[in-house]
Amino acid sequence: MLHMNQVDQVKDLQRQGLGPCEIAERLGIDRKTTAKYMKQEDFSAPAELRSPLPSKLDPWKPTIDQWLAEDLKMRFKQRHTAMRIHARLKEEHPDDYCCSYPLVQRYVKRRKEARKEAEGFLELVWSKGEAQADFGEAELIEAGVRRTVKYLTLTFPYSNAGFMQCFSGETAECVSQGLKDIFSHIGGVPARIVFDNATGVGRRVRDRVTLSQLFLRFKCHYGFAVSFCNPASGHEKGNVENKIGYVRRNFFVPMPVVDSLEAWNKELLEKAANDHERPHYKKGQSIAELFEEERHSLGALPARSFNVERFERVPTDGYGKFCIDGKHWYSSAPECGNSEVTVGLKAHELVVYRGDGAPLSVHRRIYGDERSDSCDYRTSLETLMKKPGAWINSAFRAGVEDTVRAAMDELPKPDLRKVLKVLVKSSTTFGFDVAMTSLEEAIARGRLDSFSLGAVASRVAFDGLHGIPSEGPDLGAYDRALISSAETVS
């Protein structure tokens, strides 16, 4: 048999018109061998098929594989070693198991090495419990305002089950909050999540991805692996690409009208569950049935919930305001002017904390490229209560309804101070929304005084504005006791 470089020489001389005798003489090889390779047309490499030799461990390999798969859901220190597998097989099958420890050790080592190699590549045949994630973009009407939102989509290619959560941006806080809520809803954690790029979870420079500290903590907390598609290789996550389009067509047409993104996100999880009742496009079962089967491959939820919040220490100006993302301004409190405050950045909110860790002010988090200015009126109320003369130029006055502004403008300064004092007390005790509802109701009833305002706030907080108060205790017992005492004395 000739080496391939010799065969190549034979074919090259054959193309030049030489015959087998001339080629054999020139290359110094047998004429019959030369003629054989001149006639050969197919030089494809044959597959090296070898029948595996039987092993005494063969009957036990499925059991070992099952134990190793179950270990992936356990803490690292609670997983099987090769020695423990060997000992357990001897304990559970004392009459049938007769393999040596080195045989088990070699097999376990090969299985673990194969798993590590598989983690380094993007498999296009998806296993149970593996997921893909990406953002889509759509429009909706939130609280009467038309907005463009980003919806995080997590899909499981094996079952084609998909789940969505809406946000105003694509930050690490949004990704982590969306995944956290989906994990909680499905009762488990995917073994691996594949992202298209590092948007939201980190920063990508060429082939290197550096995860953000928040997402890295989130990933460690829930214990899932992360992979990224190769550049310009969106086909590697085609399932989630298709799901994003499906979601836009089926859940955002017609344009949803929602009170808040948080409420819409809860509704989206229910809509996803209903959507899973349709049949899988090629497996002959419903998506719900396949995903129920896939649940067994999900990791367990951690014992403690993860706090999706990134903390920053930021400087304030003379008015107690600070800037986030270079363009969005938020208020803390006037007394925090020209200092530093601790800010907690969440997916939907931004919280300013006092030195003792208590919230000082809470804002709706703003995204986008346009400059914005957000004020938490709860903090400005306390300042107005002390300085009611600043009412006419306050941000609180500018932000309330016209009817509220007109009614409070008519109040004398002493009465305005009393009303503001009750608002501060109601906001601290029952919440800012209750305080504002009580103010609007008192104005609508023509009873804008501190006593009426306090009574309405209590009514709103305990029974609701239109609720029926509870009957309370039977005070007639006191009447009967007093009457009985009076008759006894007489």
Protein backbone atom coordinates (compact mmCIF):
# COMPACT_ATOMS: atom_id res chain seq x y z
CA MET A 1 0.00 0.00 0.00
CA LEU A 2 1.33 3.40 -0.95
CA HIS A 3 1.36 6.51 1.23
CA MET A 4 -0.95 9.28 0.09
CA ASN A 5 1.97 11.44 -1.04
CA GLN A 6 3.09 8.58 -3.33
CA VAL A 7 -0.47 8.15 -4.61
CA ASP A 8 -0.55 11.88 -5.30
CA GLN A 9 2.63 11.53 -7.40
CA VAL A 10 1.09 8.62 -9.35
CA LYS A 11 -2.05 10.62 -10.13
CA ASP A 12 -0.01 13.68 -11.03
CA LEU A 13 2.10 11.70 -13.57
CA GLN A 14 -1.06 10.02 -14.86
CA ARG A 15 -2.54 13.48 -15.61
CA GLN A 16 0.64 14.18 -17.61
CA GLY A 17 -0.11 11.21 -19.90
CA LEU A 18 2.42 8.67 -18.57
CA GLY A 19 1.51 4.96 -18.53
CA PRO A 20 1.81 2.50 -15.62
CA CYS A 21 5.20 1.13 -16.71
CA GLU A 22 6.77 4.57 -17.06
CA ILE A 23 5.30 5.73 -13.73
CA ALA A 24 6.43 2.56 -11.93
CA GLU A 25 9.93 2.86 -13.32
CA ARG A 26 10.20 6.58 -12.48
CA LEU A 27 8.89 6.21 -8.89
CA GLY A 28 10.50 2.82 -8.25
CA ILE A 29 7.27 1.02 -7.32
CA ASP A 30 5.49 -2.10 -8.52
CA ARG A 31 3.68 -1.80 -11.88
CA LYS A 32 0.56 -3.62 -10.66
CA THR A 33 0.33 -1.32 -7.63
CA THR A 34 0.71 1.66 -9.94
CA ALA A 35 -2.07 0.41 -12.20
CA LYS A 36 -4.33 -0.16 -9.17
CA TYR A 37 -4.10 3.44 -8.00
CA MET A 38 -4.41 4.79 -11.54
CA LYS A 39 -7.82 3.09 -11.78
CA GLN A 40 -9.00 4.25 -8.33
CA GLU A 41 -11.42 7.24 -8.42
CA ASP A 42 -12.70 7.57 -4.86
CA PHE A 43 -10.16 8.65 -2.29
CA SER A 44 -12.60 9.52 0.53
CA ALA A 45 -11.26 8.53 3.93
CA PRO A 46 -13.05 5.41 5.17
CA ALA A 47 -14.72 5.56 8.56
CA GLU A 48 -12.79 3.66 11.19
CA LEU A 49 -15.57 1.59 12.67
CA ARG A 50 -14.64 -0.49 15.64
CA SER A 51 -17.00 -2.56 17.71
CA PRO A 52 -16.47 -1.62 21.34
CA LEU A 53 -15.20 -4.38 23.54
CA PRO A 54 -17.63 -5.47 26.23
CA SER A 55 -16.94 -4.28 29.77
CA LYS A 56 -18.06 -5.64 33.11
CA LEU A 57 -19.20 -2.09 33.91
CA ASP A 58 -21.66 -1.89 30.97
CA PRO A 59 -24.76 -2.94 33.01
CA TRP A 60 -24.01 -0.21 35.57
CA LYS A 61 -23.19 2.67 33.22
CA PRO A 62 -26.80 3.95 32.90
CA THR A 63 -27.05 4.08 36.69
CA ILE A 64 -23.76 5.94 36.98
CA ASP A 65 -24.81 8.39 34.24
CA GLN A 66 -28.08 9.06 36.08
CA TRP A 67 -26.27 9.77 39.35
CA LEU A 68 -23.83 12.12 37.61
CA ALA A 69 -26.70 13.98 35.92
CA GLU A 70 -28.52 14.37 39.25
CA ASP A 71 -25.29 15.71 40.77
CA LEU A 72 -25.50 18.78 38.53
CA LYS A 73 -28.47 19.97 40.62
CA MET A 74 -26.60 19.49 43.90
CA ARG A 75 -24.04 21.59 45.70
CA PHE A 76 -20.48 20.86 44.64
CA LYS A 77 -19.54 19.21 47.94
CA GLN A 78 -22.59 16.92 47.82
CA ARG A 79 -21.76 15.26 44.51
CA HIS A 80 -20.64 11.70 43.87
CA THR A 81 -16.96 10.89 43.66
CA ALA A 82 -15.80 7.78 41.80
CA MET A 83 -15.09 6.13 45.17
CA ARG A 84 -18.60 6.92 46.43
CA ILE A 85 -20.16 5.54 43.23
CA HIS A 86 -18.14 2.34 43.59
CA ALA A 87 -19.11 1.98 47.26
CA ARG A 88 -22.78 2.72 46.58
CA LEU A 89 -22.99 0.12 43.81
CA LYS A 90 -21.49 -2.48 46.16
CA GLU A 91 -23.95 -1.50 48.91
CA GLU A 92 -27.06 -1.55 46.70
CA HIS A 93 -26.14 -4.57 44.53
CA PRO A 94 -23.97 -6.84 46.70
CA ASP A 95 -24.79 -10.01 44.71
CA ASP A 96 -24.45 -8.66 41.15
CA TYR A 97 -21.84 -5.92 41.22
CA CYS A 98 -18.28 -7.22 40.76
CA CYS A 99 -16.32 -4.37 39.15
CA SER A 100 -13.04 -2.95 40.41
CA TYR A 101 -12.64 0.62 41.62
CA PRO A 102 -10.10 1.59 38.87
CA LEU A 103 -12.64 0.56 36.23
CA VAL A 104 -15.25 2.88 37.78
CA GLN A 105 -12.70 5.64 38.25
CA ARG A 106 -11.67 5.62 34.57
CA TYR A 107 -15.28 5.69 33.37
CA VAL A 108 -16.28 8.56 35.70
CA LYS A 109 -13.22 10.52 34.62
CA ARG A 110 -14.09 10.08 30.91
CA ARG A 111 -17.69 11.18 31.51
CA LYS A 112 -16.64 14.33 33.38
CA GLU A 113 -14.03 15.21 30.75
CA ALA A 114 -16.61 14.77 27.98
CA ARG A 115 -18.97 17.13 29.79
CA LYS A 116 -16.25 19.78 30.18
CA GLU A 117 -15.41 19.56 26.47
CA ALA A 118 -19.09 19.92 25.56
CA GLU A 119 -19.33 23.10 27.64
CA GLY A 120 -16.73 24.75 25.42
CA PHE A 121 -18.83 24.51 22.26
CA LEU A 122 -22.26 25.73 21.24
CA GLU A 123 -24.37 22.68 20.53
CA LEU A 124 -27.13 23.14 18.01
CA VAL A 125 -28.91 20.04 19.33
CA TRP A 126 -30.33 21.36 22.57
CA SER A 127 -30.63 19.28 25.70
CA LYS A 128 -33.39 19.50 28.28
CA GLY A 129 -32.92 22.39 30.68
CA GLU A 130 -30.85 24.57 28.32
CA ALA A 131 -32.17 28.01 27.40
CA GLN A 132 -31.58 30.97 25.11
CA ALA A 133 -32.13 34.64 26.00
CA ASP A 134 -32.37 37.88 24.07
CA PHE A 135 -34.24 41.20 23.99
CA GLY A 136 -36.99 42.24 21.60
CA GLU A 137 -38.53 45.68 21.14
CA ALA A 138 -42.18 46.68 20.96
CA GLU A 139 -44.56 49.51 21.82
CA LEU A 140 -47.33 49.71 24.40
CA ILE A 141 -49.35 52.30 26.28
CA GLU A 142 -48.39 52.54 29.96
CA ALA A 143 -50.50 54.78 32.23
CA GLY A 144 -51.82 56.60 29.16
CA VAL A 145 -48.39 57.21 27.57
CA ARG A 146 -47.20 55.44 24.42
CA ARG A 147 -43.74 54.00 25.05
CA THR A 148 -41.13 51.78 23.43
CA VAL A 149 -40.15 48.90 25.71
CA LYS A 150 -37.64 46.05 25.67
CA TYR A 151 -38.94 42.57 26.42
CA LEU A 152 -36.52 39.94 27.69
CA THR A 153 -37.36 36.55 26.19
CA LEU A 154 -36.15 33.26 27.67
CA THR A 155 -36.82 30.14 25.59
CA PHE A 156 -36.17 26.44 26.07
CA PRO A 157 -35.40 24.97 22.62
CA TYR A 158 -36.13 21.37 23.64
CA SER A 159 -39.80 22.10 24.45
CA ASN A 160 -40.11 25.48 22.64
CA ALA A 161 -41.49 27.00 25.86
CA GLY A 162 -40.94 30.76 26.09
CA PHE A 163 -41.33 33.37 28.83
CA MET A 164 -41.21 37.17 28.57
CA GLN A 165 -40.67 40.17 30.87
CA CYS A 166 -40.87 43.86 29.89
CA PHE A 167 -38.49 46.66 30.88
CA SER A 168 -37.61 50.17 29.83
CA GLY A 169 -33.94 49.29 29.22
CA GLU A 170 -31.46 46.46 28.69
CA THR A 171 -29.26 46.81 31.77
CA ALA A 172 -27.85 44.09 34.00
CA GLU A 173 -30.59 44.96 36.51
CA CYS A 174 -33.27 44.34 33.85
CA VAL A 175 -31.77 41.01 32.73
CA SER A 176 -31.31 39.78 36.30
CA GLN A 177 -34.78 40.87 37.44
CA GLY A 178 -36.44 39.30 34.41
CA LEU A 179 -34.60 36.00 34.82
CA LYS A 180 -35.28 35.98 38.57
CA ASP A 181 -39.03 36.40 38.06
CA ILE A 182 -39.10 33.74 35.35
CA PHE A 183 -37.09 31.29 37.48
CA SER A 184 -39.50 31.84 40.37
CA HIS A 185 -42.50 31.33 38.07
CA ILE A 186 -41.26 28.04 36.55
CA GLY A 187 -39.84 26.76 39.84
CA GLY A 188 -36.31 26.04 38.62
CA VAL A 189 -33.12 27.26 37.00
CA PRO A 190 -31.80 26.35 33.51
CA ALA A 191 -28.49 24.51 33.38
CA ARG A 192 -27.17 26.94 30.76
CA ILE A 193 -28.32 30.15 29.10
CA VAL A 194 -27.00 31.28 25.71
CA PHE A 195 -26.93 35.01 24.95
CA ASP A 196 -26.43 36.64 21.56
CA ASN A 197 -23.95 39.18 22.90
CA ALA A 198 -23.00 40.84 26.16
CA THR A 199 -25.75 43.49 26.08
CA GLY A 200 -27.08 43.88 29.59
CA VAL A 201 -24.88 41.27 31.23
CA GLY A 202 -21.41 42.65 30.54
CA ARG A 203 -19.03 44.09 27.99
CA ARG A 204 -17.62 42.33 24.94
CA VAL A 205 -14.29 43.21 23.34
CA ARG A 206 -13.68 40.97 20.33
CA ASP A 207 -13.95 37.41 21.66
CA ARG A 208 -13.61 38.29 25.33
CA VAL A 209 -16.70 38.94 27.47
CA THR A 210 -16.43 40.56 30.89
CA LEU A 211 -19.59 40.08 32.95
CA SER A 212 -20.91 42.93 35.07
CA GLN A 213 -20.49 42.48 38.82
CA LEU A 214 -24.25 42.39 39.41
CA PHE A 215 -24.89 39.73 36.78
CA LEU A 216 -21.86 37.74 37.90
CA ARG A 217 -23.24 37.67 41.44
CA PHE A 218 -26.67 36.73 40.10
CA LYS A 219 -25.17 33.90 38.02
CA CYS A 220 -23.26 32.53 41.01
CA HIS A 221 -26.35 32.81 43.22
CA TYR A 222 -28.55 30.74 40.90
CA GLY A 223 -25.80 28.42 39.66
CA PHE A 224 -26.32 28.39 35.87
CA ALA A 225 -23.71 28.45 33.09
CA VAL A 226 -23.53 31.22 30.47
CA SER A 227 -22.46 30.98 26.82
CA PHE A 228 -22.31 33.62 24.09
CA CYS A 229 -22.90 33.18 20.39
CA ASN A 230 -19.98 33.64 18.06
CA PRO A 231 -19.88 37.09 16.36
CA ALA A 232 -22.26 37.31 13.38
CA SER A 233 -23.70 33.90 14.27
CA GLY A 234 -27.27 34.66 15.25
CA HIS A 235 -28.34 31.31 13.81
CA GLU A 236 -26.80 29.70 16.89
CA LYS A 237 -29.78 30.97 18.88
CA GLY A 238 -32.47 30.72 16.23
CA ASN A 239 -35.08 29.48 18.70
CA VAL A 240 -35.16 32.70 20.71
CA GLU A 241 -34.98 34.81 17.51
CA ASN A 242 -38.13 33.12 16.25
CA LYS A 243 -39.77 33.43 19.68
CA ILE A 244 -39.13 37.18 19.81
CA GLY A 245 -41.02 37.64 16.55
CA TYR A 246 -43.80 35.32 17.70
CA VAL A 247 -44.20 37.27 20.95
CA ARG A 248 -44.36 40.61 19.14
CA ARG A 249 -47.03 39.37 16.73
CA ASN A 250 -49.18 37.58 19.31
CA PHE A 251 -48.77 39.51 22.58
CA PHE A 252 -48.19 43.08 21.36
CA VAL A 253 -50.82 43.22 18.60
CA PRO A 254 -53.04 45.10 19.18
CA MET A 255 -50.92 47.47 21.24
CA PRO A 256 -51.35 46.59 24.95
CA VAL A 257 -52.76 49.19 27.33
CA VAL A 258 -51.33 48.62 30.80
CA ASP A 259 -51.24 50.39 34.16
CA SER A 260 -47.57 49.52 34.83
CA LEU A 261 -44.83 47.28 33.47
CA GLU A 262 -44.75 45.32 36.74
CA ALA A 263 -48.44 44.41 36.42
CA TRP A 264 -48.01 43.63 32.70
CA ASN A 265 -45.10 41.31 33.48
CA LYS A 266 -47.26 39.21 35.80
CA GLU A 267 -49.89 39.01 33.06
CA LEU A 268 -47.25 38.01 30.51
CA LEU A 269 -46.27 34.97 32.58
CA GLU A 270 -49.89 33.82 32.61
CA LYS A 271 -50.22 34.45 28.88
CA ALA A 272 -47.11 32.34 28.27
CA ALA A 273 -48.60 29.44 30.24
CA ASN A 274 -51.79 29.60 28.15
CA ASP A 275 -49.77 29.77 24.93
CA HIS A 276 -47.93 26.54 25.84
CA GLU A 277 -51.14 24.56 25.36
CA ARG A 278 -50.60 24.63 21.58
CA PRO A 279 -48.84 21.65 19.93
CA HIS A 280 -45.09 21.65 19.34
CA TYR A 281 -44.27 22.32 15.70
CA LYS A 282 -42.76 18.86 15.10
CA LYS A 283 -42.81 16.65 18.22
CA GLY A 284 -46.49 15.74 18.31
CA GLN A 285 -47.02 16.87 21.91
CA SER A 286 -48.09 20.15 23.43
CA ILE A 287 -45.39 22.58 24.53
CA ALA A 288 -46.79 22.36 28.06
CA GLU A 289 -46.32 18.57 28.14
CA LEU A 290 -42.75 18.82 26.83
CA PHE A 291 -41.87 21.58 29.28
CA GLU A 292 -43.31 19.59 32.18
CA GLU A 293 -40.95 16.81 31.15
CA GLU A 294 -38.12 19.36 30.88
CA ARG A 295 -38.73 20.68 34.41
CA HIS A 296 -36.96 17.62 35.83
CA SER A 297 -33.72 18.86 34.24
CA LEU A 298 -33.91 22.29 35.88
CA GLY A 299 -31.76 23.13 38.86
CA ALA A 300 -33.33 23.91 42.22
CA LEU A 301 -34.09 27.47 43.27
CA PRO A 302 -31.72 28.85 45.94
CA ALA A 303 -32.99 29.03 49.51
CA ARG A 304 -32.71 32.83 49.60
CA SER A 305 -34.01 35.33 47.08
CA PHE A 306 -31.45 37.46 45.25
CA ASN A 307 -31.68 41.25 45.69
CA VAL A 308 -31.44 42.65 42.16
CA GLU A 309 -29.99 46.03 43.07
CA ARG A 310 -26.72 47.77 42.19
CA PHE A 311 -25.43 50.33 44.67
CA GLU A 312 -23.57 53.52 43.81
CA ARG A 313 -22.26 56.39 45.87
CA VAL A 314 -23.04 59.63 43.98
CA PRO A 315 -22.46 63.37 44.65
CA THR A 316 -25.40 65.81 44.90
CA ASP A 317 -25.69 69.46 43.91
CA GLY A 318 -26.87 72.28 46.15
CA TYR A 319 -30.51 71.20 45.74
CA GLY A 320 -29.82 67.59 46.71
CA LYS A 321 -30.08 66.32 43.13
CA PHE A 322 -27.75 63.82 41.47
CA CYS A 323 -27.18 62.43 37.97
CA ILE A 324 -27.26 58.81 36.79
CA ASP A 325 -26.15 57.58 33.35
CA GLY A 326 -24.93 61.08 32.48
CA LYS A 327 -28.36 62.46 31.61
CA HIS A 328 -31.02 61.50 34.18
CA TRP A 329 -31.40 63.67 37.31
CA TYR A 330 -33.12 62.56 40.53
CA SER A 331 -33.88 64.28 43.84
CA SER A 332 -32.75 63.12 47.26
CA ALA A 333 -33.66 65.75 49.88
CA PRO A 334 -32.72 69.43 50.31
CA GLU A 335 -30.70 68.64 53.43
CA CYS A 336 -28.51 66.27 51.35
CA GLY A 337 -27.27 69.09 49.12
CA ASN A 338 -23.55 69.26 48.30
CA SER A 339 -22.83 65.84 49.78
CA GLU A 340 -22.86 62.18 48.73
CA VAL A 341 -25.77 59.73 48.91
CA THR A 342 -26.06 55.98 48.44
CA VAL A 343 -28.29 55.05 45.51
CA GLY A 344 -29.77 51.61 44.79
CA LEU A 345 -30.38 50.99 41.06
CA LYS A 346 -33.11 48.45 40.31
CA ALA A 347 -34.82 47.43 37.10
CA HIS A 348 -37.90 49.62 37.58
CA GLU A 349 -36.94 51.85 40.52
CA LEU A 350 -34.15 53.97 41.92
CA VAL A 351 -33.93 54.26 45.71
CA VAL A 352 -31.98 56.86 47.71
CA TYR A 353 -30.94 55.59 51.14
CA ARG A 354 -30.36 57.38 54.40
CA GLY A 355 -27.22 56.77 56.44
CA ASP A 356 -29.06 54.15 58.55
CA GLY A 357 -30.18 52.19 55.44
CA ALA A 358 -33.79 53.43 55.43
CA PRO A 359 -35.19 54.66 52.09
CA LEU A 360 -35.10 58.43 51.77
CA SER A 361 -36.75 58.78 48.36
CA VAL A 362 -37.98 56.42 45.63
CA HIS A 363 -38.08 57.22 41.92
CA ARG A 364 -39.29 55.53 38.80
CA ARG A 365 -36.05 54.67 36.99
CA ILE A 366 -35.66 56.56 33.72
CA TYR A 367 -33.99 55.14 30.60
CA GLY A 368 -33.26 56.61 27.19
CA ASP A 369 -31.01 59.24 25.62
CA GLU A 370 -33.06 62.34 26.45
CA ARG A 371 -32.34 64.35 29.58
CA SER A 372 -34.86 63.85 32.39
CA ASP A 373 -35.52 65.30 35.85
CA SER A 374 -37.36 63.23 38.49
CA CYS A 375 -38.51 64.51 41.87
CA ASP A 376 -39.82 62.45 44.80
CA TYR A 377 -42.44 64.75 46.27
CA ARG A 378 -42.37 62.98 49.62
CA THR A 379 -39.05 64.61 50.48
CA SER A 380 -40.12 68.07 49.27
CA LEU A 381 -43.31 67.89 51.37
CA GLU A 382 -41.31 67.98 54.60
CA THR A 383 -39.42 71.06 53.44
CA LEU A 384 -42.67 72.77 52.35
CA MET A 385 -44.24 72.02 55.75
CA LYS A 386 -41.42 74.00 57.37
CA LYS A 387 -41.40 76.69 54.67
CA PRO A 388 -44.96 77.03 53.28
CA GLY A 389 -43.97 80.33 51.68
CA ALA A 390 -42.09 78.31 49.04
CA TRP A 391 -45.32 76.61 47.94
CA ILE A 392 -45.98 78.83 44.95
CA ASN A 393 -42.65 77.90 43.28
CA SER A 394 -42.33 74.30 44.50
CA ALA A 395 -41.92 71.23 42.27
CA PHE A 396 -44.71 69.54 44.24
CA ARG A 397 -47.18 72.28 43.26
CA ALA A 398 -46.13 72.05 39.62
CA GLY A 399 -46.66 68.27 39.57
CA VAL A 400 -50.17 68.00 41.07
CA GLU A 401 -53.50 68.18 39.23
CA ASP A 402 -54.96 71.59 38.38
CA THR A 403 -57.87 71.15 40.83
CA VAL A 404 -55.49 70.30 43.68
CA ARG A 405 -53.20 73.21 42.85
CA ALA A 406 -56.10 75.70 42.71
CA ALA A 407 -57.62 74.52 46.01
CA MET A 408 -54.31 74.68 47.91
CA ASP A 409 -53.44 78.08 46.40
CA GLU A 410 -56.54 79.52 48.11
CA LEU A 411 -55.50 78.35 51.59
CA PRO A 412 -54.07 80.90 54.03
CA LYS A 413 -50.46 80.16 55.00
CA PRO A 414 -51.35 78.75 58.49
CA ASP A 415 -53.97 76.40 57.01
CA LEU A 416 -51.59 75.41 54.20
CA ARG A 417 -48.97 74.49 56.82
CA LYS A 418 -51.52 72.30 58.67
CA VAL A 419 -52.61 70.55 55.46
CA LEU A 420 -49.00 69.89 54.47
CA LYS A 421 -48.29 68.55 57.96
CA VAL A 422 -51.18 66.06 57.66
CA LEU A 423 -49.96 65.05 54.18
CA VAL A 424 -46.47 64.36 55.56
CA LYS A 425 -47.93 62.29 58.42
CA SER A 426 -50.25 60.33 56.09
CA SER A 427 -47.44 59.72 53.62
CA THR A 428 -45.15 58.42 56.37
CA THR A 429 -47.86 56.25 57.96
CA PHE A 430 -49.85 54.98 54.99
CA GLY A 431 -47.75 55.77 51.91
CA PHE A 432 -47.60 58.64 49.44
CA ASP A 433 -50.35 57.27 47.18
CA VAL A 434 -52.82 57.11 50.08
CA ALA A 435 -51.91 60.66 51.11
CA MET A 436 -52.54 61.98 47.59
CA THR A 437 -55.83 60.07 47.24
CA SER A 438 -57.07 61.53 50.52
CA LEU A 439 -56.07 65.05 49.39
CA GLU A 440 -57.96 64.71 46.10
CA GLU A 441 -61.04 63.29 47.86
CA ALA A 442 -61.10 66.02 50.50
CA ILE A 443 -60.92 68.69 47.79
CA ALA A 444 -63.68 66.98 45.77
CA ARG A 445 -65.94 67.04 48.87
CA GLY A 446 -65.09 70.65 49.67
CA ARG A 447 -63.55 69.75 53.04
CA LEU A 448 -59.89 70.70 52.71
CA ASP A 449 -58.94 71.01 56.35
CA SER A 450 -56.44 69.08 58.43
CA PHE A 451 -59.07 67.10 60.40
CA SER A 452 -61.04 65.95 57.36
CA LEU A 453 -57.84 65.17 55.49
CA GLY A 454 -56.56 62.93 58.30
CA ALA A 455 -59.91 61.11 58.58
CA VAL A 456 -60.11 60.46 54.82
CA ALA A 457 -56.52 59.13 54.79
CA SER A 458 -57.36 56.62 57.53
CA ARG A 459 -60.52 55.59 55.71
CA VAL A 460 -58.59 55.05 52.45
CA ALA A 461 -55.84 53.07 54.19
CA PHE A 462 -58.05 50.71 56.21
CA ASP A 463 -61.32 50.28 54.29
CA GLY A 464 -60.70 51.79 50.87
CA LEU A 465 -62.30 54.94 49.59
CA HIS A 466 -65.59 53.23 48.74
CA GLY A 467 -65.31 50.26 51.08
CA ILE A 468 -67.78 49.50 53.85
CA PRO A 469 -66.22 49.90 57.30
CA SER A 470 -66.25 46.85 59.52
CA GLU A 471 -68.79 46.82 62.34
CA GLY A 472 -66.07 46.73 64.97
CA PRO A 473 -66.58 45.53 68.57
CA ASP A 474 -69.98 45.42 70.24
CA LEU A 475 -70.01 48.60 72.34
CA GLY A 476 -73.43 47.67 73.69
CA ALA A 477 -71.65 45.55 76.29
CA TYR A 478 -70.56 48.77 78.02
CA ASP A 479 -74.17 50.08 78.01
CA ARG A 480 -75.47 46.89 79.52
CA ALA A 481 -72.76 46.89 82.20
CA LEU A 482 -73.43 50.50 83.17
CA ILE A 483 -77.19 49.96 83.29
CA SER A 484 -76.75 46.85 85.44
CA SER A 485 -74.45 48.74 87.84
CA ALA A 486 -76.91 51.62 88.13
CA GLU A 487 -79.82 49.30 88.94
CA THR A 488 -77.74 47.50 91.59
CA VAL A 489 -76.81 50.79 93.30
CA SER A 490 -80.42 52.01 93.31
